[in-house]
Amino acid sequence: METKDMRTTDGSLSQFANDRPPTDGTLVTKLKDAGAIMIAKAGMDEYAGGSQRSSYAGPFCNPYANLIRERYGAECRTVRDLAKVHEAMRGYDPKDPITATSIGFAVEAPLDSFTRKTKLTGRRIAIVREMMPALTINDLEGIRVFNEEVVPALRATGVDLVESINPRDVTNGPRDVTNGWAVDDPAIPNIDIQSIVREMVPTLDTQGEATHLFRSQAIREIVARIMADYEVDALVFPYVTMPASILTGTINAIPWLQVDGRPTTSGWNGITDVSGLPSMVVPGRFTKVVYDRTVRGTTSDFAIDPPAIRKFVDLPFGVQFLGKPWSDHVLLEIGAAYEKARGPRVPPAAFGPIPGEP
């Protein structure tokens, strides 16, 4: 976002170190008009390249909740704070024609009013197990946190849970690292996502996925079909099951391996980046152990059990909720109820407590 009183560097020291826009961006203006005080700009990896590093500001990290969209979204301390910021940002902007599509669809009630429920009785959420395949030893800890901490917290809200079928054939063959995962819950009713994908993909004109527009529409139709067939209000899965890279490490620490053409970062927000559907990530406690890789490799066997150094360290774990078009208010309701059921926020040690917070 452009800010007339702060540099906009794109994380780059060489290209934009002294880039000072003459005016505020539209969203910055809206936030200021709503009373926001801009005290700083957060760092980003250089040119959004996925390196978690910046030649301008160094390493960066983010332990908070955020509302992810194809366009701008806020990152906030709590879901309620998120609703307040999003309230100031939303609406039609003549300089950005795509925002005109919100007219007649966005709810009129203040978004903050949807964050006060503690129960989700009557809501139905589908767990997408395809977004948590056990590709590597590092994925298993993220899957454990989802099963042992996230699912019980969701159940405590009274929401009706369903989950996608585990495709792994445990009787007739070894683990399928592409399609299988470590654990599903026999107490949760199953839905079949993969049959819908297999049926719809050949009929969707994606031109070989040559353009973002076709990919976006294809994913929207598949997600809409899943939600309609199983009458769910949202999908839920880990934002990513792989832990963050070492901020001060080398490029050999947790490398970007490919297993059967899939990145070992598992979900990695893969649906929402290209779909334009509303999505929200809420902190879901912490993973407790990480295996920092010490050697590079490209084979499936290497990815599943790489030469590694085990460390016991708490790393933030994000829970992602994906909704239908213009269902931001539903996601806020779900995220806020989950946040309350999860319990008080536990600040990372490096960030310290917030005055007045439990």
Protein backbone atom coordinates (compact mmCIF):
# COMPACT_ATOMS: atom_id res chain seq x y z
CA MET A 1 0.00 0.00 0.00
CA GLU A 2 1.31 3.43 -0.89
CA THR A 3 1.87 5.85 1.98
CA LYS A 4 2.92 9.40 1.32
CA ASP A 5 4.82 9.68 4.62
CA MET A 6 6.56 6.26 4.54
CA ARG A 7 8.61 4.52 1.89
CA THR A 8 7.15 1.69 -0.22
CA THR A 9 10.14 -0.58 -0.85
CA ASP A 10 8.69 -3.95 -1.97
CA GLY A 11 11.28 -5.39 0.40
CA SER A 12 14.10 -4.30 -1.90
CA LEU A 13 17.08 -2.19 -0.92
CA SER A 14 18.41 -1.91 -4.47
CA GLN A 15 15.31 -0.87 -6.41
CA PHE A 16 12.94 0.97 -4.07
CA ALA A 17 14.91 2.03 -0.99
CA ASN A 18 13.93 5.67 -1.54
CA ASP A 19 10.54 5.20 -3.19
CA ARG A 20 8.27 7.83 -1.59
CA PRO A 21 4.77 7.96 -3.16
CA PRO A 22 3.24 11.45 -3.46
CA THR A 23 -0.16 10.33 -2.16
CA ASP A 24 -1.72 7.70 0.07
CA GLY A 25 -3.30 4.65 -1.51
CA THR A 26 -7.10 4.43 -1.41
CA LEU A 27 -7.21 1.89 1.44
CA VAL A 28 -4.72 3.90 3.48
CA THR A 29 -6.93 6.95 3.03
CA LYS A 30 -10.00 4.96 4.14
CA LEU A 31 -8.23 3.69 7.24
CA LYS A 32 -7.02 7.16 8.17
CA ASP A 33 -10.51 8.59 7.65
CA ALA A 34 -11.80 5.93 10.06
CA GLY A 35 -9.33 7.12 12.72
CA ALA A 36 -6.43 4.73 12.17
CA ILE A 37 -2.95 5.96 13.02
CA MET A 38 -0.23 4.68 10.70
CA ILE A 39 2.85 4.15 12.85
CA ALA A 40 4.91 1.85 10.61
CA LYS A 41 4.89 -0.43 7.58
CA ALA A 42 5.49 -4.16 7.97
CA GLY A 43 8.32 -5.85 6.13
CA MET A 44 7.83 -8.36 3.34
CA ASP A 45 10.11 -10.79 1.56
CA GLU A 46 11.82 -9.21 -1.41
CA TYR A 47 9.35 -8.85 -4.32
CA ALA A 48 7.07 -11.39 -2.55
CA GLY A 49 9.43 -14.13 -3.69
CA GLY A 50 8.81 -16.52 -0.77
CA SER A 51 12.29 -16.18 0.73
CA GLN A 52 11.20 -14.78 4.15
CA ARG A 53 14.04 -12.32 3.75
CA SER A 54 14.38 -8.74 2.60
CA SER A 55 17.49 -6.85 1.53
CA TYR A 56 15.82 -3.74 2.92
CA ALA A 57 14.64 -4.91 6.34
CA GLY A 58 16.04 -8.39 6.95
CA PRO A 59 14.01 -11.42 8.18
CA PHE A 60 10.33 -11.06 9.06
CA CYS A 61 7.58 -13.10 10.73
CA ASN A 62 3.87 -12.76 11.54
CA PRO A 63 2.11 -14.52 14.46
CA TYR A 64 -1.28 -12.86 14.04
CA ALA A 65 -4.64 -13.46 12.31
CA ASN A 66 -5.37 -12.21 8.83
CA LEU A 67 -8.18 -12.08 6.30
CA ILE A 68 -6.77 -13.33 3.01
CA ARG A 69 -8.21 -12.19 -0.27
CA GLU A 70 -7.01 -12.13 -3.85
CA ARG A 71 -6.56 -8.42 -3.26
CA TYR A 72 -5.72 -6.59 -0.02
CA GLY A 73 -6.52 -8.06 3.40
CA ALA A 74 -5.78 -7.06 6.97
CA GLU A 75 -3.54 -8.75 9.54
CA CYS A 76 -4.72 -8.13 13.09
CA ARG A 77 -4.33 -9.15 16.73
CA THR A 78 -7.81 -10.70 17.01
CA VAL A 79 -10.71 -11.59 14.74
CA ARG A 80 -12.74 -8.71 16.17
CA ASP A 81 -9.94 -6.25 15.36
CA LEU A 82 -9.85 -7.79 11.89
CA ALA A 83 -13.57 -7.09 11.43
CA LYS A 84 -13.14 -3.45 12.44
CA VAL A 85 -10.29 -2.88 9.99
CA HIS A 86 -12.09 -4.69 7.19
CA GLU A 87 -15.19 -2.58 7.83
CA ALA A 88 -13.17 0.56 7.13
CA MET A 89 -11.55 -0.92 4.02
CA ARG A 90 -14.53 -2.46 2.24
CA GLY A 91 -16.79 -0.76 -0.30
CA TYR A 92 -16.73 0.49 -3.87
CA ASP A 93 -13.65 2.31 -5.13
CA PRO A 94 -14.08 3.98 -8.55
CA LYS A 95 -10.32 3.60 -9.13
CA ASP A 96 -10.61 -0.18 -8.75
CA PRO A 97 -13.52 -1.43 -10.93
CA ILE A 98 -13.50 -4.97 -9.50
CA THR A 99 -14.84 -3.57 -6.22
CA ALA A 100 -18.10 -2.72 -8.00
CA THR A 101 -18.96 -6.44 -7.89
CA SER A 102 -19.56 -6.11 -4.14
CA ILE A 103 -22.58 -3.86 -4.63
CA GLY A 104 -25.73 -5.76 -3.72
CA PHE A 105 -23.82 -8.71 -2.24
CA ALA A 106 -21.89 -7.40 0.76
CA VAL A 107 -23.84 -7.39 4.04
CA GLU A 108 -24.95 -4.01 5.34
CA ALA A 109 -24.58 -4.80 9.05
CA PRO A 110 -21.27 -3.78 10.69
CA LEU A 111 -18.81 -6.65 10.38
CA ASP A 112 -17.93 -6.33 14.06
CA SER A 113 -21.45 -7.52 14.92
CA PHE A 114 -20.62 -10.97 13.53
CA THR A 115 -17.71 -11.58 15.93
CA ARG A 116 -19.65 -11.85 19.20
CA LYS A 117 -20.98 -15.41 19.05
CA THR A 118 -19.39 -18.18 21.08
CA LYS A 119 -21.39 -21.03 19.54
CA LEU A 120 -21.77 -22.12 15.92
CA THR A 121 -24.80 -24.36 16.33
CA GLY A 122 -26.41 -24.75 12.91
CA ARG A 123 -23.19 -24.07 11.02
CA ARG A 124 -21.49 -26.85 9.04
CA ILE A 125 -17.75 -26.93 8.22
CA ALA A 126 -15.82 -29.41 6.07
CA ILE A 127 -12.28 -30.44 6.98
CA VAL A 128 -10.20 -30.72 3.80
CA ARG A 129 -7.72 -33.51 4.45
CA GLU A 130 -6.24 -33.14 0.97
CA MET A 131 -4.56 -30.00 2.27
CA MET A 132 -2.60 -31.92 4.89
CA PRO A 133 -0.84 -34.84 3.19
CA ALA A 134 1.96 -36.41 5.24
CA LEU A 135 4.63 -35.72 2.65
CA THR A 136 7.49 -35.20 5.09
CA ILE A 137 8.43 -35.77 8.70
CA ASN A 138 7.83 -32.06 9.30
CA ASP A 139 4.21 -32.24 8.11
CA LEU A 140 3.31 -34.75 10.83
CA GLU A 141 3.62 -32.22 13.67
CA GLY A 142 1.30 -29.77 11.92
CA ILE A 143 -1.22 -32.55 11.31
CA ARG A 144 -0.98 -33.53 14.99
CA VAL A 145 -1.79 -29.99 16.15
CA PHE A 146 -4.76 -29.83 13.77
CA ASN A 147 -6.17 -33.15 15.00
CA GLU A 148 -5.43 -32.78 18.72
CA GLU A 149 -6.04 -29.05 19.26
CA VAL A 150 -7.93 -27.48 16.35
CA VAL A 151 -10.63 -30.13 15.88
CA PRO A 152 -11.56 -30.28 19.62
CA ALA A 153 -11.80 -26.47 19.72
CA LEU A 154 -14.09 -26.48 16.70
CA ARG A 155 -16.26 -29.16 18.29
CA ALA A 156 -16.55 -27.02 21.42
CA THR A 157 -18.32 -24.35 19.35
CA GLY A 158 -21.14 -26.77 18.51
CA VAL A 159 -20.41 -26.68 14.78
CA ASP A 160 -21.33 -29.70 12.65
CA LEU A 161 -18.07 -31.13 11.23
CA VAL A 162 -17.57 -33.35 8.18
CA GLU A 163 -14.27 -34.34 6.58
CA SER A 164 -13.00 -35.56 3.23
CA ILE A 165 -12.34 -39.28 2.78
CA ASN A 166 -8.84 -40.58 3.38
CA PRO A 167 -7.83 -42.08 0.00
CA ARG A 168 -4.91 -44.06 1.40
CA ASP A 169 -5.20 -47.81 0.93
CA VAL A 170 -3.75 -49.11 4.19
CA THR A 171 -4.60 -52.74 3.34
CA ASN A 172 -3.29 -53.25 -0.17
CA GLY A 173 -0.28 -51.03 -0.47
CA PRO A 174 2.26 -48.60 1.02
CA ARG A 175 1.50 -45.00 1.87
CA ASP A 176 0.71 -42.84 -1.14
CA VAL A 177 2.63 -39.64 -0.42
CA THR A 178 0.70 -37.70 -3.04
CA ASN A 179 -2.86 -38.50 -1.97
CA GLY A 180 -2.64 -39.99 1.52
CA TRP A 181 -2.39 -38.48 4.96
CA ALA A 182 -1.56 -39.76 8.39
CA VAL A 183 -4.83 -39.52 10.33
CA ASP A 184 -8.52 -38.98 9.82
CA ASP A 185 -11.21 -39.14 12.49
CA PRO A 186 -13.67 -42.07 12.32
CA ALA A 187 -16.10 -40.07 14.47
CA ILE A 188 -16.49 -37.37 11.80
CA PRO A 189 -18.79 -38.09 8.79
CA ASN A 190 -17.02 -38.32 5.44
CA ILE A 191 -17.51 -36.31 2.26
CA ASP A 192 -15.90 -37.11 -1.09
CA ILE A 193 -14.11 -34.10 -2.54
CA GLN A 194 -11.90 -35.94 -4.99
CA SER A 195 -14.75 -37.42 -7.02
CA ILE A 196 -16.11 -33.90 -7.59
CA VAL A 197 -12.69 -32.68 -8.75
CA ARG A 198 -12.26 -35.66 -11.10
CA GLU A 199 -15.71 -35.07 -12.59
CA MET A 200 -15.43 -31.32 -13.05
CA VAL A 201 -11.84 -30.70 -14.13
CA PRO A 202 -12.25 -32.21 -17.64
CA THR A 203 -15.34 -30.04 -18.27
CA LEU A 204 -13.77 -26.75 -17.21
CA ASP A 205 -12.14 -24.80 -20.02
CA THR A 206 -8.86 -23.81 -18.40
CA GLN A 207 -6.77 -23.69 -21.62
CA GLY A 208 -4.16 -25.79 -19.88
CA GLU A 209 -4.34 -23.41 -16.92
CA ALA A 210 -2.74 -20.80 -19.13
CA THR A 211 -4.32 -17.80 -17.44
CA HIS A 212 -5.12 -16.75 -13.93
CA LEU A 213 -8.71 -15.94 -14.91
CA PHE A 214 -9.51 -19.48 -16.02
CA ARG A 215 -7.78 -21.04 -13.00
CA SER A 216 -9.71 -18.75 -10.69
CA GLN A 217 -13.07 -19.61 -12.21
CA ALA A 218 -12.30 -23.35 -12.24
CA ILE A 219 -11.47 -23.37 -8.54
CA ARG A 220 -14.51 -21.24 -7.70
CA GLU A 221 -16.82 -23.71 -9.45
CA ILE A 222 -15.24 -26.73 -7.76
CA VAL A 223 -15.44 -25.13 -4.30
CA ALA A 224 -19.03 -24.01 -4.94
CA ARG A 225 -19.99 -27.55 -5.97
CA ILE A 226 -18.38 -29.06 -2.84
CA MET A 227 -20.18 -26.60 -0.58
CA ALA A 228 -23.51 -27.09 -2.32
CA ASP A 229 -23.39 -30.90 -2.44
CA TYR A 230 -22.53 -31.20 1.25
CA GLU A 231 -24.33 -28.07 2.51
CA VAL A 232 -21.31 -26.59 4.25
CA ASP A 233 -20.70 -22.97 5.23
CA ALA A 234 -16.91 -23.09 5.04
CA LEU A 235 -13.89 -25.32 4.48
CA VAL A 236 -11.11 -25.61 7.06
CA PHE A 237 -7.52 -26.83 6.80
CA PRO A 238 -4.04 -25.81 7.99
CA TYR A 239 -2.66 -22.73 6.31
CA VAL A 240 0.43 -24.88 5.90
CA THR A 241 1.61 -28.04 7.67
CA MET A 242 5.30 -27.33 7.09
CA PRO A 243 6.97 -25.13 9.73
CA ALA A 244 8.56 -21.82 8.85
CA SER A 245 12.13 -21.74 7.59
CA ILE A 246 14.98 -20.74 9.86
CA LEU A 247 15.16 -16.95 9.71
CA THR A 248 18.94 -16.97 10.10
CA GLY A 249 19.54 -20.25 8.31
CA THR A 250 20.92 -21.11 4.91
CA ILE A 251 18.96 -22.01 1.81
CA ASN A 252 19.51 -25.66 2.74
CA ALA A 253 17.22 -25.35 5.77
CA ILE A 254 13.81 -26.83 4.88
CA PRO A 255 14.31 -26.64 1.10
CA TRP A 256 11.49 -26.42 -1.39
CA LEU A 257 11.33 -30.06 -2.44
CA GLN A 258 8.88 -31.41 -5.02
CA VAL A 259 7.22 -34.81 -4.46
CA ASP A 260 5.29 -36.13 -7.45
CA GLY A 261 5.03 -32.59 -8.73
CA ARG A 262 3.64 -31.21 -5.46
CA PRO A 263 5.57 -28.81 -3.20
CA THR A 264 6.38 -30.11 0.26
CA THR A 265 4.80 -27.00 1.71
CA SER A 266 1.50 -28.90 1.33
CA GLY A 267 -1.52 -26.57 1.22
CA TRP A 268 0.42 -23.30 1.30
CA ASN A 269 -2.72 -21.31 0.68
CA GLY A 270 -2.86 -22.89 -2.79
CA ILE A 271 -6.63 -22.54 -3.27
CA THR A 272 -7.14 -18.99 -2.08
CA ASP A 273 -4.23 -17.39 -3.92
CA VAL A 274 -5.83 -18.02 -7.31
CA SER A 275 -9.54 -18.31 -6.50
CA GLY A 276 -10.33 -14.86 -5.13
CA LEU A 277 -12.58 -16.49 -2.54
CA PRO A 278 -12.64 -14.98 0.97
CA SER A 279 -10.39 -16.81 3.41
CA MET A 280 -9.23 -16.17 6.95
CA VAL A 281 -6.29 -17.53 8.95
CA VAL A 282 -6.57 -17.67 12.75
CA PRO A 283 -3.75 -18.71 15.12
CA GLY A 284 -4.22 -22.34 16.23
CA ARG A 285 -1.62 -22.71 18.98
CA PHE A 286 1.88 -24.01 18.27
CA THR A 287 3.76 -26.92 16.82
CA LYS A 288 6.33 -28.22 19.30
CA VAL A 289 9.04 -29.91 17.25
CA VAL A 290 10.75 -29.14 13.96
CA TYR A 291 13.25 -31.05 11.87
CA ASP A 292 15.65 -28.62 10.23
CA ARG A 293 16.94 -30.21 7.06
CA THR A 294 20.67 -30.27 6.59
CA VAL A 295 20.95 -31.75 3.07
CA ARG A 296 19.12 -31.05 -0.18
CA GLY A 297 17.35 -33.75 -2.18
CA THR A 298 14.58 -34.36 -4.70
CA THR A 299 13.34 -37.93 -4.20
CA SER A 300 10.16 -39.03 -2.41
CA ASP A 301 12.15 -41.08 0.09
CA PHE A 302 14.29 -38.08 0.93
CA ALA A 303 11.25 -35.84 1.42
CA ILE A 304 9.52 -38.29 3.76
CA ASP A 305 12.54 -38.85 6.02
CA PRO A 306 15.32 -36.36 5.28
CA PRO A 307 18.65 -36.08 7.09
CA ALA A 308 17.66 -33.57 9.74
CA ILE A 309 18.33 -32.04 13.11
CA ARG A 310 15.43 -32.26 15.56
CA LYS A 311 14.68 -29.17 17.65
CA PHE A 312 12.00 -28.59 20.26
CA VAL A 313 10.64 -25.12 19.64
CA ASP A 314 7.18 -23.52 19.61
CA LEU A 315 6.19 -22.23 16.16
CA PRO A 316 2.81 -20.56 15.38
CA PHE A 317 0.31 -22.78 13.56
CA GLY A 318 -2.37 -21.19 11.37
CA VAL A 319 -5.92 -22.51 10.81
CA GLN A 320 -7.44 -21.42 7.51
CA PHE A 321 -11.18 -21.02 6.82
CA LEU A 322 -12.34 -20.71 3.19
CA GLY A 323 -15.80 -19.41 2.33
CA LYS A 324 -18.21 -18.74 -0.50
CA PRO A 325 -18.09 -15.46 -2.45
CA TRP A 326 -19.10 -12.51 -0.24
CA SER A 327 -19.19 -14.66 2.90
CA ASP A 328 -16.69 -12.56 4.82
CA HIS A 329 -19.23 -12.08 7.63
CA VAL A 330 -19.69 -15.86 7.95
CA LEU A 331 -15.93 -16.40 8.18
CA LEU A 332 -15.69 -13.70 10.84
CA GLU A 333 -18.44 -15.42 12.84
CA ILE A 334 -16.71 -18.80 12.55
CA GLY A 335 -13.23 -17.43 13.23
CA ALA A 336 -14.32 -15.46 16.28
CA ALA A 337 -16.15 -18.44 17.81
CA TYR A 338 -13.16 -20.70 17.16
CA GLU A 339 -10.84 -18.09 18.69
CA LYS A 340 -12.92 -18.04 21.87
CA ALA A 341 -13.08 -21.85 22.06
CA ARG A 342 -9.34 -22.10 21.49
CA GLY A 343 -8.66 -20.01 24.57
CA PRO A 344 -6.64 -16.86 25.27
CA ARG A 345 -3.97 -15.84 22.84
CA VAL A 346 -0.50 -17.02 23.84
CA PRO A 347 2.01 -14.47 22.56
CA PRO A 348 5.25 -15.78 21.08
CA ALA A 349 8.10 -15.24 23.52
CA ALA A 350 9.88 -12.81 21.21
CA PHE A 351 6.80 -10.56 21.01
CA GLY A 352 5.85 -10.42 24.68
CA PRO A 353 2.47 -9.78 26.32
CA ILE A 354 0.08 -7.01 25.30
CA PRO A 355 -0.97 -4.71 28.18
CA GLY A 356 -4.51 -5.46 29.31
CA GLU A 357 -4.64 -8.85 27.55
CA PRO A 358 -4.88 -12.18 29.46
